[in-house]
Amino acid sequence: MISTILIALVAALHLCFMYLEMIAWDTPAGHKAFRLEPEFAARSKALAMNQGLYNGFLVAGLVWGLWLGADGFAIKVFFLGCVIVAGLFGAATVSRRILYVQAVPAALALAALLIAS
């Protein structure tokens, strides 16, 4: 039960990231969330939309795993692993904040999932 809640939370976070990157990147909300200057946001909008699409794929995979229940164990492990790797890479290359917003929640969900199995 705890792992399901945590995986759903990770999926919801990535749904928010997808929205911010694909729709709200070049708005005051996007500027605030990602600490962007308006000029940079306008120039990088297409790149952000691509990034948002990948977050959408992570959401789809996590929701797929949840929908399958116990039969989706391997799918949940795979997609949580993808989120963790992306979070570690983002923390190393963009901002340490990504570690706490992306990688840590996914690692906690993965730990709960493995403990429950």
N, C-alpha and C. Protein backbone atom coordinates (compact mmCIF):
# COMPACT_ATOMS: atom_id res chain seq x y z
N MET A 1 0.81 -1.19 0.00
CA MET A 1 0.00 0.00 0.00
C MET A 1 0.86 1.26 0.00
N ILE A 2 1.90 1.30 0.85
CA ILE A 2 2.79 2.47 0.91
C ILE A 2 3.51 2.65 -0.41
N SER A 3 3.98 1.55 -1.00
CA SER A 3 4.69 1.68 -2.28
C SER A 3 3.75 2.20 -3.36
N THR A 4 2.51 1.78 -3.36
CA THR A 4 1.55 2.26 -4.35
C THR A 4 1.33 3.76 -4.20
N ILE A 5 1.20 4.23 -2.99
CA ILE A 5 1.01 5.66 -2.74
C ILE A 5 2.25 6.44 -3.19
N LEU A 6 3.43 5.94 -2.85
CA LEU A 6 4.66 6.64 -3.23
C LEU A 6 4.86 6.64 -4.75
N ILE A 7 4.55 5.54 -5.40
CA ILE A 7 4.67 5.49 -6.87
C ILE A 7 3.68 6.46 -7.51
N ALA A 8 2.47 6.51 -6.98
CA ALA A 8 1.47 7.46 -7.48
C ALA A 8 1.95 8.89 -7.27
N LEU A 9 2.60 9.16 -6.15
CA LEU A 9 3.15 10.49 -5.89
C LEU A 9 4.24 10.84 -6.91
N VAL A 10 5.13 9.90 -7.18
CA VAL A 10 6.18 10.13 -8.18
C VAL A 10 5.55 10.39 -9.55
N ALA A 11 4.53 9.62 -9.90
CA ALA A 11 3.84 9.84 -11.18
C ALA A 11 3.20 11.23 -11.21
N ALA A 12 2.58 11.64 -10.10
CA ALA A 12 1.95 12.96 -10.03
C ALA A 12 2.98 14.08 -10.15
N LEU A 13 4.13 13.91 -9.51
CA LEU A 13 5.20 14.89 -9.65
C LEU A 13 5.61 15.05 -11.10
N HIS A 14 5.77 13.91 -11.78
CA HIS A 14 6.20 13.98 -13.18
C HIS A 14 5.11 14.51 -14.10
N LEU A 15 3.88 14.31 -13.72
CA LEU A 15 2.78 14.93 -14.46
C LEU A 15 2.87 16.45 -14.32
N CYS A 16 3.18 16.91 -13.13
CA CYS A 16 3.38 18.36 -12.91
C CYS A 16 4.58 18.87 -13.70
N PHE A 17 5.68 18.13 -13.68
CA PHE A 17 6.86 18.53 -14.46
C PHE A 17 6.51 18.62 -15.94
N MET A 18 5.75 17.63 -16.42
CA MET A 18 5.35 17.62 -17.83
C MET A 18 4.54 18.88 -18.15
N TYR A 19 3.58 19.21 -17.30
CA TYR A 19 2.77 20.40 -17.52
C TYR A 19 3.65 21.66 -17.54
N LEU A 20 4.51 21.78 -16.54
CA LEU A 20 5.36 22.97 -16.46
C LEU A 20 6.28 23.08 -17.67
N GLU A 21 6.81 21.97 -18.14
CA GLU A 21 7.76 22.00 -19.26
C GLU A 21 7.06 22.14 -20.61
N MET A 22 5.93 21.50 -20.77
CA MET A 22 5.28 21.51 -22.08
C MET A 22 4.33 22.70 -22.27
N ILE A 23 3.72 23.18 -21.19
CA ILE A 23 2.68 24.19 -21.32
C ILE A 23 3.06 25.50 -20.63
N ALA A 24 3.62 25.41 -19.43
CA ALA A 24 3.84 26.62 -18.64
C ALA A 24 5.27 27.12 -18.62
N TRP A 25 6.14 26.56 -19.43
CA TRP A 25 7.56 26.93 -19.43
C TRP A 25 7.76 28.44 -19.58
N ASP A 26 7.09 29.01 -20.54
CA ASP A 26 7.28 30.43 -20.87
C ASP A 26 6.18 31.29 -20.23
N THR A 27 5.84 30.98 -18.98
CA THR A 27 4.86 31.74 -18.22
C THR A 27 5.48 32.10 -16.86
N PRO A 28 4.89 33.01 -16.12
CA PRO A 28 5.42 33.31 -14.79
C PRO A 28 5.54 32.07 -13.89
N ALA A 29 4.59 31.14 -13.98
CA ALA A 29 4.66 29.91 -13.16
C ALA A 29 5.87 29.07 -13.55
N GLY A 30 6.12 28.93 -14.83
CA GLY A 30 7.30 28.18 -15.29
C GLY A 30 8.59 28.88 -14.91
N HIS A 31 8.62 30.19 -15.06
CA HIS A 31 9.81 30.96 -14.69
C HIS A 31 10.14 30.76 -13.21
N LYS A 32 9.10 30.80 -12.39
CA LYS A 32 9.30 30.65 -10.94
C LYS A 32 9.74 29.22 -10.60
N ALA A 33 9.06 28.25 -11.15
CA ALA A 33 9.36 26.84 -10.82
C ALA A 33 10.78 26.46 -11.19
N PHE A 34 11.25 26.95 -12.33
CA PHE A 34 12.57 26.55 -12.82
C PHE A 34 13.61 27.66 -12.70
N ARG A 35 13.21 28.77 -12.05
CA ARG A 35 14.12 29.90 -11.83
C ARG A 35 14.70 30.39 -13.16
N LEU A 36 13.81 30.70 -14.09
CA LEU A 36 14.19 31.08 -15.45
C LEU A 36 14.05 32.58 -15.67
N GLU A 37 14.94 33.11 -16.46
CA GLU A 37 14.78 34.45 -16.99
C GLU A 37 13.83 34.34 -18.19
N PRO A 38 12.91 35.29 -18.36
CA PRO A 38 11.94 35.21 -19.46
C PRO A 38 12.58 35.04 -20.84
N GLU A 39 13.70 35.69 -21.08
CA GLU A 39 14.36 35.58 -22.39
C GLU A 39 14.86 34.16 -22.63
N PHE A 40 15.46 33.56 -21.60
CA PHE A 40 15.94 32.19 -21.74
C PHE A 40 14.77 31.23 -21.94
N ALA A 41 13.70 31.44 -21.19
CA ALA A 41 12.53 30.57 -21.32
C ALA A 41 11.98 30.61 -22.74
N ALA A 42 11.91 31.79 -23.30
CA ALA A 42 11.39 31.92 -24.67
C ALA A 42 12.28 31.20 -25.67
N ARG A 43 13.60 31.32 -25.50
CA ARG A 43 14.54 30.69 -26.44
C ARG A 43 14.59 29.17 -26.29
N SER A 44 14.31 28.66 -25.09
CA SER A 44 14.47 27.23 -24.82
C SER A 44 13.14 26.48 -24.76
N LYS A 45 12.07 27.11 -25.18
CA LYS A 45 10.73 26.52 -25.05
C LYS A 45 10.62 25.17 -25.76
N ALA A 46 11.15 25.05 -26.97
CA ALA A 46 11.06 23.78 -27.71
C ALA A 46 11.83 22.67 -26.99
N LEU A 47 12.98 22.99 -26.43
CA LEU A 47 13.74 21.99 -25.68
C LEU A 47 12.97 21.54 -24.44
N ALA A 48 12.34 22.50 -23.77
CA ALA A 48 11.56 22.16 -22.58
C ALA A 48 10.38 21.27 -22.93
N MET A 49 9.74 21.54 -24.07
CA MET A 49 8.61 20.70 -24.48
C MET A 49 9.07 19.26 -24.71
N ASN A 50 10.24 19.09 -25.31
CA ASN A 50 10.79 17.76 -25.52
C ASN A 50 11.06 17.08 -24.18
N GLN A 51 11.62 17.81 -23.26
CA GLN A 51 11.89 17.30 -21.92
C GLN A 51 10.58 16.90 -21.23
N GLY A 52 9.56 17.71 -21.40
CA GLY A 52 8.26 17.42 -20.81
C GLY A 52 7.66 16.14 -21.37
N LEU A 53 7.87 15.92 -22.66
CA LEU A 53 7.36 14.70 -23.28
C LEU A 53 7.98 13.47 -22.62
N TYR A 54 9.26 13.52 -22.33
CA TYR A 54 9.92 12.40 -21.65
C TYR A 54 9.35 12.19 -20.25
N ASN A 55 9.05 13.27 -19.56
CA ASN A 55 8.40 13.13 -18.25
C ASN A 55 7.04 12.47 -18.40
N GLY A 56 6.34 12.78 -19.48
CA GLY A 56 5.07 12.13 -19.76
C GLY A 56 5.22 10.63 -19.95
N PHE A 57 6.31 10.22 -20.61
CA PHE A 57 6.56 8.78 -20.77
C PHE A 57 6.80 8.12 -19.42
N LEU A 58 7.50 8.80 -18.52
CA LEU A 58 7.71 8.25 -17.18
C LEU A 58 6.38 8.09 -16.45
N VAL A 59 5.51 9.09 -16.57
CA VAL A 59 4.18 9.00 -15.96
C VAL A 59 3.43 7.80 -16.53
N ALA A 60 3.44 7.66 -17.84
CA ALA A 60 2.72 6.55 -18.49
C ALA A 60 3.24 5.20 -17.99
N GLY A 61 4.55 5.06 -17.86
CA GLY A 61 5.11 3.80 -17.39
C GLY A 61 4.74 3.50 -15.95
N LEU A 62 4.80 4.51 -15.10
CA LEU A 62 4.45 4.29 -13.69
C LEU A 62 2.97 3.98 -13.54
N VAL A 63 2.12 4.68 -14.27
CA VAL A 63 0.68 4.40 -14.20
C VAL A 63 0.38 3.01 -14.75
N TRP A 64 1.07 2.62 -15.81
CA TRP A 64 0.91 1.28 -16.38
C TRP A 64 1.26 0.23 -15.32
N GLY A 65 2.39 0.42 -14.65
CA GLY A 65 2.79 -0.52 -13.60
C GLY A 65 1.79 -0.58 -12.48
N LEU A 66 1.27 0.58 -12.07
CA LEU A 66 0.25 0.59 -11.01
C LEU A 66 -1.02 -0.11 -11.47
N TRP A 67 -1.42 0.14 -12.70
CA TRP A 67 -2.64 -0.47 -13.25
C TRP A 67 -2.53 -2.00 -13.25
N LEU A 68 -1.32 -2.51 -13.51
CA LEU A 68 -1.13 -3.97 -13.54
C LEU A 68 -1.05 -4.58 -12.14
N GLY A 69 -0.93 -3.75 -11.12
CA GLY A 69 -0.85 -4.27 -9.76
C GLY A 69 0.41 -5.09 -9.54
N ALA A 70 0.27 -6.24 -8.90
CA ALA A 70 1.43 -7.10 -8.61
C ALA A 70 2.10 -7.57 -9.89
N ASP A 71 1.34 -7.74 -10.96
CA ASP A 71 1.93 -8.17 -12.24
C ASP A 71 2.81 -7.10 -12.87
N GLY A 72 2.71 -5.86 -12.39
CA GLY A 72 3.50 -4.77 -12.92
C GLY A 72 4.77 -4.49 -12.14
N PHE A 73 5.18 -5.42 -11.30
CA PHE A 73 6.37 -5.22 -10.45
C PHE A 73 7.58 -4.79 -11.27
N ALA A 74 7.93 -5.55 -12.30
CA ALA A 74 9.14 -5.25 -13.09
C ALA A 74 9.01 -3.90 -13.80
N ILE A 75 7.83 -3.57 -14.24
CA ILE A 75 7.60 -2.29 -14.92
C ILE A 75 7.80 -1.15 -13.92
N LYS A 76 7.28 -1.29 -12.73
CA LYS A 76 7.44 -0.26 -11.70
C LYS A 76 8.92 -0.10 -11.35
N VAL A 77 9.63 -1.20 -11.19
CA VAL A 77 11.06 -1.13 -10.87
C VAL A 77 11.80 -0.41 -11.99
N PHE A 78 11.52 -0.78 -13.23
CA PHE A 78 12.21 -0.17 -14.37
C PHE A 78 11.97 1.34 -14.42
N PHE A 79 10.71 1.76 -14.35
CA PHE A 79 10.41 3.18 -14.49
C PHE A 79 10.88 3.99 -13.28
N LEU A 80 10.81 3.43 -12.09
CA LEU A 80 11.37 4.12 -10.93
C LEU A 80 12.88 4.25 -11.09
N GLY A 81 13.53 3.22 -11.61
CA GLY A 81 14.96 3.29 -11.89
C GLY A 81 15.28 4.39 -12.90
N CYS A 82 14.45 4.52 -13.92
CA CYS A 82 14.64 5.59 -14.91
C CYS A 82 14.52 6.96 -14.24
N VAL A 83 13.55 7.12 -13.37
CA VAL A 83 13.37 8.40 -12.66
C VAL A 83 14.59 8.69 -11.79
N ILE A 84 15.09 7.69 -11.09
CA ILE A 84 16.25 7.88 -10.23
C ILE A 84 17.46 8.30 -11.04
N VAL A 85 17.73 7.60 -12.13
CA VAL A 85 18.87 7.95 -12.98
C VAL A 85 18.73 9.36 -13.54
N ALA A 86 17.54 9.70 -14.02
CA ALA A 86 17.30 11.06 -14.54
C ALA A 86 17.51 12.10 -13.44
N GLY A 87 17.05 11.80 -12.23
CA GLY A 87 17.23 12.72 -11.12
C GLY A 87 18.68 12.89 -10.73
N LEU A 88 19.43 11.80 -10.73
CA LEU A 88 20.87 11.88 -10.42
C LEU A 88 21.60 12.68 -11.49
N PHE A 89 21.27 12.43 -12.74
CA PHE A 89 21.91 13.15 -13.83
C PHE A 89 21.56 14.64 -13.77
N GLY A 90 20.30 14.94 -13.53
CA GLY A 90 19.88 16.34 -13.40
C GLY A 90 20.56 17.03 -12.24
N ALA A 91 20.71 16.33 -11.13
CA ALA A 91 21.38 16.91 -9.96
C ALA A 91 22.84 17.19 -10.25
N ALA A 92 23.47 16.31 -11.03
CA ALA A 92 24.89 16.47 -11.35
C ALA A 92 25.13 17.55 -12.41
N THR A 93 24.16 17.75 -13.29
CA THR A 93 24.41 18.64 -14.42
C THR A 93 23.64 19.96 -14.39
N VAL A 94 22.53 20.02 -13.63
CA VAL A 94 21.69 21.23 -13.66
C VAL A 94 21.58 21.86 -12.28
N SER A 95 21.03 21.12 -11.31
CA SER A 95 20.78 21.68 -9.99
C SER A 95 20.67 20.55 -8.97
N ARG A 96 21.29 20.73 -7.85
CA ARG A 96 21.22 19.73 -6.78
C ARG A 96 19.78 19.55 -6.30
N ARG A 97 18.97 20.58 -6.46
CA ARG A 97 17.56 20.53 -6.05
C ARG A 97 16.83 19.36 -6.73
N ILE A 98 17.23 19.00 -7.94
CA ILE A 98 16.59 17.90 -8.68
C ILE A 98 16.75 16.58 -7.93
N LEU A 99 17.84 16.44 -7.22
CA LEU A 99 18.06 15.22 -6.44
C LEU A 99 16.92 15.02 -5.44
N TYR A 100 16.54 16.09 -4.77
CA TYR A 100 15.53 16.01 -3.73
C TYR A 100 14.09 15.98 -4.27
N VAL A 101 13.88 16.61 -5.39
CA VAL A 101 12.53 16.70 -5.96
C VAL A 101 12.21 15.47 -6.81
N GLN A 102 13.22 14.88 -7.43
CA GLN A 102 12.98 13.79 -8.37
C GLN A 102 13.56 12.45 -7.90
N ALA A 103 14.84 12.41 -7.61
CA ALA A 103 15.50 11.13 -7.31
C ALA A 103 15.10 10.56 -5.94
N VAL A 104 15.04 11.40 -4.92
CA VAL A 104 14.74 10.89 -3.58
C VAL A 104 13.33 10.30 -3.49
N PRO A 105 12.29 11.00 -3.98
CA PRO A 105 10.96 10.35 -3.92
C PRO A 105 10.90 9.02 -4.67
N ALA A 106 11.56 8.95 -5.83
CA ALA A 106 11.58 7.69 -6.59
C ALA A 106 12.35 6.61 -5.84
N ALA A 107 13.45 6.97 -5.20
CA ALA A 107 14.23 5.99 -4.43
C ALA A 107 13.42 5.47 -3.24
N LEU A 108 12.69 6.35 -2.58
CA LEU A 108 11.83 5.91 -1.48
C LEU A 108 10.72 4.98 -1.98
N ALA A 109 10.13 5.32 -3.12
CA ALA A 109 9.10 4.45 -3.70
C ALA A 109 9.68 3.10 -4.08
N LEU A 110 10.88 3.10 -4.67
CA LEU A 110 11.51 1.84 -5.06
C LEU A 110 11.84 1.01 -3.82
N ALA A 111 12.36 1.64 -2.79
CA ALA A 111 12.67 0.91 -1.55
C ALA A 111 11.41 0.28 -0.96
N ALA A 112 10.33 1.06 -0.92
CA ALA A 112 9.06 0.53 -0.40
C ALA A 112 8.56 -0.63 -1.23
N LEU A 113 8.69 -0.51 -2.55
CA LEU A 113 8.26 -1.57 -3.46
C LEU A 113 9.06 -2.85 -3.22
N LEU A 114 10.38 -2.71 -3.10
CA LEU A 114 11.24 -3.89 -2.90
C LEU A 114 11.01 -4.52 -1.52
N ILE A 115 10.79 -3.71 -0.53
CA ILE A 115 10.52 -4.24 0.83
C ILE A 115 9.18 -5.00 0.83
N ALA A 116 8.21 -4.45 0.11
CA ALA A 116 6.88 -5.08 0.09
C ALA A 116 6.86 -6.40 -0.68
N SER A 117 7.84 -6.57 -1.56
CA SER A 117 7.81 -7.80 -2.38
C SER A 117 8.37 -8.94 -1.65
